Amino acid sequence: MILFPAIDILEGRAVRLLYGKRENVTDYGDPVDCAKRWVDEGAEFLHVVDLSGAFGLDSPFNSALERIAALGVPVQSGGGLRSSEAIVRRFAAGASRVVLGTVCLEQPTVYHTAVERYGARVVAGVDARGGKLAVRGWTEETEKDAFEFCSEAHRLGVRYAVFTDVARDGALTGVNVEETVRMANSGLSVIASGGIRDLNDIRALKAQNVYGAILGRSLYAGSLTLREAIEAAK
């Protein structure tokens, strides 16, 4: 199981949000310093998100991404990718994969074209609350069923998905193993996100053969270390 330390960038700072709400923010400093720390501790992949872009704000995110990608570890990146041009720029800045969420529903032509062009480098961003997709930085809920979206993505040729239980994100309440496994039944290789608290969550996901997991507040708050998490994932 691959572990993805998360670096969420808001207005140039590495932050963690509680339940994805912009007003519930904790600042963890310079994002490149955070990335160096996780690389030094053995990260094989990083998950770097443009929260400013996700909230519709202007963002110098790609300059930070370039510096993070220069560390030599592949980067999976999402947030604010709502046009073909934005996707091209994100790859040019050093992303190995891009995570597409809102654009998949609002501009399906952009989504489909990206999958045709980049294949497995496009990851479906499945942000759900109560089984329904949430979009635009989780500020808007839709009537789109999350599992149905995963199944459609798989048929389209998408290989990977990040599944986030928005109701648990940043809360250290434990990962939603059941819903993560349900999304994986679509045929996608699913990366679990939201609520991961400790090694028990890592072991529970691994026991269900989940492809990967994103580690956020658990790392920053110290409820687990990346080294011990990697060992448990192996």
Protein backbone atom coordinates (compact mmCIF):
# COMPACT_ATOMS: atom_id res chain seq x y z
CA MET A 1 0.00 0.00 0.00
CA ILE A 2 1.38 3.37 -1.03
CA LEU A 3 1.23 6.24 1.47
CA PHE A 4 0.90 9.82 0.27
CA PRO A 5 1.86 12.54 2.79
CA ALA A 6 -0.42 15.50 2.09
CA ILE A 7 0.69 19.08 1.62
CA ASP A 8 -2.33 21.37 1.29
CA ILE A 9 -1.34 24.89 0.26
CA LEU A 10 -3.50 27.91 1.05
CA GLU A 11 -2.19 31.40 0.32
CA GLY A 12 1.36 30.06 0.12
CA ARG A 13 1.28 28.19 3.43
CA ALA A 14 1.04 24.49 4.27
CA VAL A 15 -2.19 24.06 6.21
CA ARG A 16 -4.68 21.50 7.45
CA LEU A 17 -8.40 22.19 7.40
CA LEU A 18 -11.03 20.60 9.63
CA TYR A 19 -13.84 19.06 7.54
CA GLY A 20 -12.50 21.01 4.57
CA LYS A 21 -13.74 24.32 5.98
CA ARG A 22 -11.57 27.31 5.19
CA GLU A 23 -12.28 28.98 8.54
CA ASN A 24 -11.00 25.91 10.46
CA VAL A 25 -7.35 26.18 9.47
CA THR A 26 -4.07 25.24 11.15
CA ASP A 27 -0.85 26.67 9.67
CA TYR A 28 2.14 24.33 9.39
CA GLY A 29 4.57 26.69 7.71
CA ASP A 30 6.46 26.59 4.44
CA PRO A 31 5.15 23.85 2.12
CA VAL A 32 8.56 23.07 0.63
CA ASP A 33 9.99 22.54 4.12
CA CYS A 34 7.12 20.14 4.83
CA ALA A 35 7.81 18.28 1.61
CA LYS A 36 11.51 17.95 2.47
CA ARG A 37 10.58 16.52 5.85
CA TRP A 38 8.36 13.82 4.36
CA VAL A 39 10.92 12.96 1.67
CA ASP A 40 13.61 12.65 4.33
CA GLU A 41 11.34 10.29 6.28
CA GLY A 42 10.89 7.99 3.31
CA ALA A 43 7.90 9.26 1.29
CA GLU A 44 7.59 7.49 -2.06
CA PHE A 45 4.87 9.85 -3.36
CA LEU A 46 3.49 13.24 -2.25
CA HIS A 47 -0.08 14.56 -2.48
CA VAL A 48 0.01 18.34 -3.01
CA VAL A 49 -3.21 20.36 -3.19
CA ASP A 50 -3.90 23.93 -4.27
CA LEU A 51 -6.55 24.94 -1.74
CA SER A 52 -6.53 28.53 -2.94
CA GLY A 53 -7.45 27.32 -6.40
CA ALA A 54 -10.07 24.95 -5.02
CA PHE A 55 -11.75 27.90 -3.31
CA GLY A 56 -11.59 29.96 -6.49
CA LEU A 57 -8.80 32.28 -5.31
CA ASP A 58 -5.78 33.47 -7.28
CA SER A 59 -2.83 31.29 -6.44
CA PRO A 60 0.96 31.16 -7.02
CA PHE A 61 0.69 27.42 -6.36
CA ASN A 62 2.64 26.16 -9.39
CA SER A 63 5.84 27.90 -8.30
CA ALA A 64 5.71 25.99 -4.98
CA LEU A 65 4.90 22.78 -6.85
CA GLU A 66 7.98 23.21 -9.03
CA ARG A 67 10.18 23.42 -5.93
CA ILE A 68 8.50 20.39 -4.36
CA ALA A 69 8.76 18.31 -7.54
CA ALA A 70 12.47 19.19 -7.73
CA LEU A 71 12.99 17.11 -4.57
CA GLY A 72 12.81 14.03 -6.79
CA VAL A 73 9.71 12.28 -5.43
CA PRO A 74 6.67 11.97 -7.71
CA VAL A 75 3.82 14.33 -6.91
CA GLN A 76 0.08 13.81 -7.23
CA SER A 77 -1.67 17.17 -7.34
CA GLY A 78 -5.22 18.50 -7.30
CA GLY A 79 -7.20 21.60 -6.45
CA GLY A 80 -8.49 24.27 -8.81
CA LEU A 81 -8.01 22.29 -12.01
CA ARG A 82 -11.04 23.46 -13.98
CA SER A 83 -9.69 23.94 -17.51
CA SER A 84 -7.46 22.12 -19.98
CA GLU A 85 -4.94 24.96 -19.68
CA ALA A 86 -4.76 24.58 -15.89
CA ILE A 87 -4.13 20.85 -16.28
CA VAL A 88 -1.34 21.46 -18.79
CA ARG A 89 0.27 24.01 -16.45
CA ARG A 90 0.07 21.62 -13.49
CA PHE A 91 1.88 18.89 -15.39
CA ALA A 92 4.43 21.44 -16.64
CA ALA A 93 5.09 22.47 -13.03
CA GLY A 94 6.12 18.91 -12.20
CA ALA A 95 3.02 16.92 -11.27
CA SER A 96 3.22 13.21 -12.11
CA ARG A 97 -0.54 12.83 -11.70
CA VAL A 98 -3.41 15.30 -11.50
CA VAL A 99 -6.58 14.82 -9.46
CA LEU A 100 -9.75 16.06 -11.15
CA GLY A 101 -12.97 16.56 -9.21
CA THR A 102 -15.23 19.54 -9.87
CA VAL A 103 -14.32 19.76 -13.56
CA CYS A 104 -15.52 16.18 -14.13
CA LEU A 105 -19.09 17.22 -13.40
CA GLU A 106 -19.10 20.80 -14.59
CA GLN A 107 -17.00 20.43 -17.75
CA PRO A 108 -17.06 16.77 -18.79
CA THR A 109 -15.43 17.52 -22.14
CA VAL A 110 -12.32 18.83 -20.36
CA TYR A 111 -12.32 15.73 -18.15
CA HIS A 112 -12.74 13.27 -21.02
CA THR A 113 -10.08 15.01 -23.11
CA ALA A 114 -7.62 14.87 -20.20
CA VAL A 115 -8.16 11.12 -19.77
CA GLU A 116 -7.69 10.56 -23.50
CA ARG A 117 -4.48 12.60 -23.47
CA TYR A 118 -2.89 11.58 -20.18
CA GLY A 119 -4.44 8.20 -19.37
CA ALA A 120 -3.49 6.85 -15.94
CA ARG A 121 -1.92 10.19 -14.99
CA VAL A 122 -5.46 11.48 -14.43
CA VAL A 123 -6.89 10.56 -11.03
CA ALA A 124 -10.59 10.83 -10.20
CA GLY A 125 -11.19 13.02 -7.15
CA VAL A 126 -14.13 11.49 -5.31
CA ASP A 127 -15.03 13.87 -2.48
CA ALA A 128 -18.20 12.65 -0.83
CA ARG A 129 -20.54 13.55 1.97
CA GLY A 130 -23.27 11.01 2.69
CA GLY A 131 -22.46 9.12 -0.49
CA LYS A 132 -22.93 12.20 -2.74
CA LEU A 133 -20.18 14.17 -4.44
CA ALA A 134 -19.11 17.55 -3.06
CA VAL A 135 -17.47 20.08 -5.38
CA ARG A 136 -15.77 23.50 -5.44
CA GLY A 137 -13.54 22.91 -2.44
CA TRP A 138 -16.38 20.89 -0.85
CA THR A 139 -18.47 24.04 -0.52
CA GLU A 140 -21.26 22.67 -2.73
CA GLU A 141 -23.00 19.31 -2.59
CA THR A 142 -24.42 17.54 -5.62
CA GLU A 143 -26.92 14.75 -6.22
CA LYS A 144 -24.27 12.67 -8.01
CA ASP A 145 -23.73 9.27 -6.39
CA ALA A 146 -20.05 8.71 -5.55
CA PHE A 147 -19.99 5.03 -6.52
CA GLU A 148 -21.73 5.75 -9.80
CA PHE A 149 -19.10 8.39 -10.53
CA CYS A 150 -16.31 5.86 -9.80
CA SER A 151 -17.91 3.30 -12.11
CA GLU A 152 -18.21 5.84 -14.90
CA ALA A 153 -14.58 6.87 -14.41
CA HIS A 154 -13.45 3.25 -14.66
CA ARG A 155 -15.38 2.76 -17.90
CA LEU A 156 -13.80 5.95 -19.24
CA GLY A 157 -10.32 4.51 -18.67
CA VAL A 158 -9.35 6.14 -15.37
CA ARG A 159 -7.20 3.85 -13.25
CA TYR A 160 -6.90 5.65 -9.88
CA ALA A 161 -9.22 7.54 -7.56
CA VAL A 162 -8.78 9.51 -4.35
CA PHE A 163 -11.81 8.88 -2.14
CA THR A 164 -12.30 11.44 0.63
CA ASP A 165 -15.00 11.15 3.25
CA VAL A 166 -15.49 14.88 3.75
CA ALA A 167 -17.28 14.35 7.07
CA ARG A 168 -14.08 12.87 8.52
CA ASP A 169 -11.39 14.96 6.87
CA GLY A 170 -8.91 16.49 9.30
CA ALA A 171 -10.81 15.20 12.33
CA LEU A 172 -8.65 12.17 13.24
CA THR A 173 -11.85 10.16 13.78
CA GLY A 174 -10.74 7.09 11.85
CA VAL A 175 -10.87 6.27 8.15
CA ASN A 176 -14.07 5.09 6.46
CA VAL A 177 -12.86 1.64 5.43
CA GLU A 178 -16.28 0.38 4.35
CA GLU A 179 -16.94 3.23 1.90
CA THR A 180 -13.36 3.10 0.61
CA VAL A 181 -13.74 -0.60 -0.21
CA ARG A 182 -17.14 0.06 -1.82
CA MET A 183 -15.56 2.63 -4.14
CA ALA A 184 -12.83 0.12 -5.03
CA ASN A 185 -15.54 -2.31 -6.15
CA SER A 186 -15.92 -0.01 -9.16
CA GLY A 187 -12.65 -1.41 -10.47
CA LEU A 188 -10.55 1.65 -9.61
CA SER A 189 -7.41 1.53 -7.47
CA VAL A 190 -8.57 3.70 -4.59
CA ILE A 191 -6.49 5.97 -2.37
CA ALA A 192 -8.23 6.49 0.97
CA SER A 193 -8.37 10.01 2.41
CA GLY A 194 -10.01 11.63 5.40
CA GLY A 195 -9.93 10.77 9.08
CA ILE A 196 -6.84 8.55 9.18
CA ARG A 197 -5.72 8.66 12.79
CA ASP A 198 -3.17 5.98 13.61
CA LEU A 199 -1.57 2.68 12.61
CA ASN A 200 -4.83 0.81 13.17
CA ASP A 201 -6.33 2.69 10.24
CA ILE A 202 -3.34 1.83 8.06
CA ARG A 203 -3.61 -1.84 8.99
CA ALA A 204 -7.37 -1.89 8.43
CA LEU A 205 -6.98 -0.48 4.93
CA LYS A 206 -4.13 -2.83 4.09
CA ALA A 207 -6.18 -5.82 5.29
CA GLN A 208 -8.76 -4.89 2.63
CA ASN A 209 -6.09 -4.58 -0.08
CA VAL A 210 -6.70 -0.86 -0.51
CA TYR A 211 -4.23 0.60 -3.02
CA GLY A 212 -3.14 3.68 -1.06
CA ALA A 213 -3.81 6.21 1.68
CA ILE A 214 -3.27 9.94 2.11
CA LEU A 215 -1.87 11.03 5.46
CA GLY A 216 -2.63 14.56 6.61
CA ARG A 217 -3.33 15.73 10.14
CA SER A 218 -2.17 12.42 11.63
CA LEU A 219 1.37 13.24 10.45
CA TYR A 220 1.28 16.93 11.31
CA ALA A 221 -0.25 16.37 14.75
CA GLY A 222 2.01 13.41 15.46
CA SER A 223 -0.57 10.67 16.06
CA LEU A 224 1.66 8.54 13.86
CA THR A 225 5.04 8.94 12.16
CA LEU A 226 5.61 8.45 8.47
CA ARG A 227 8.34 5.87 9.07
CA GLU A 228 6.13 3.64 11.22
CA ALA A 229 3.19 4.12 8.85
CA ILE A 230 5.32 3.01 5.89
CA GLU A 231 6.43 -0.05 7.84
CA ALA A 232 2.80 -0.93 8.64
CA ALA A 233 1.80 -0.42 4.99
CA LYS A 234 4.44 -2.91 3.87
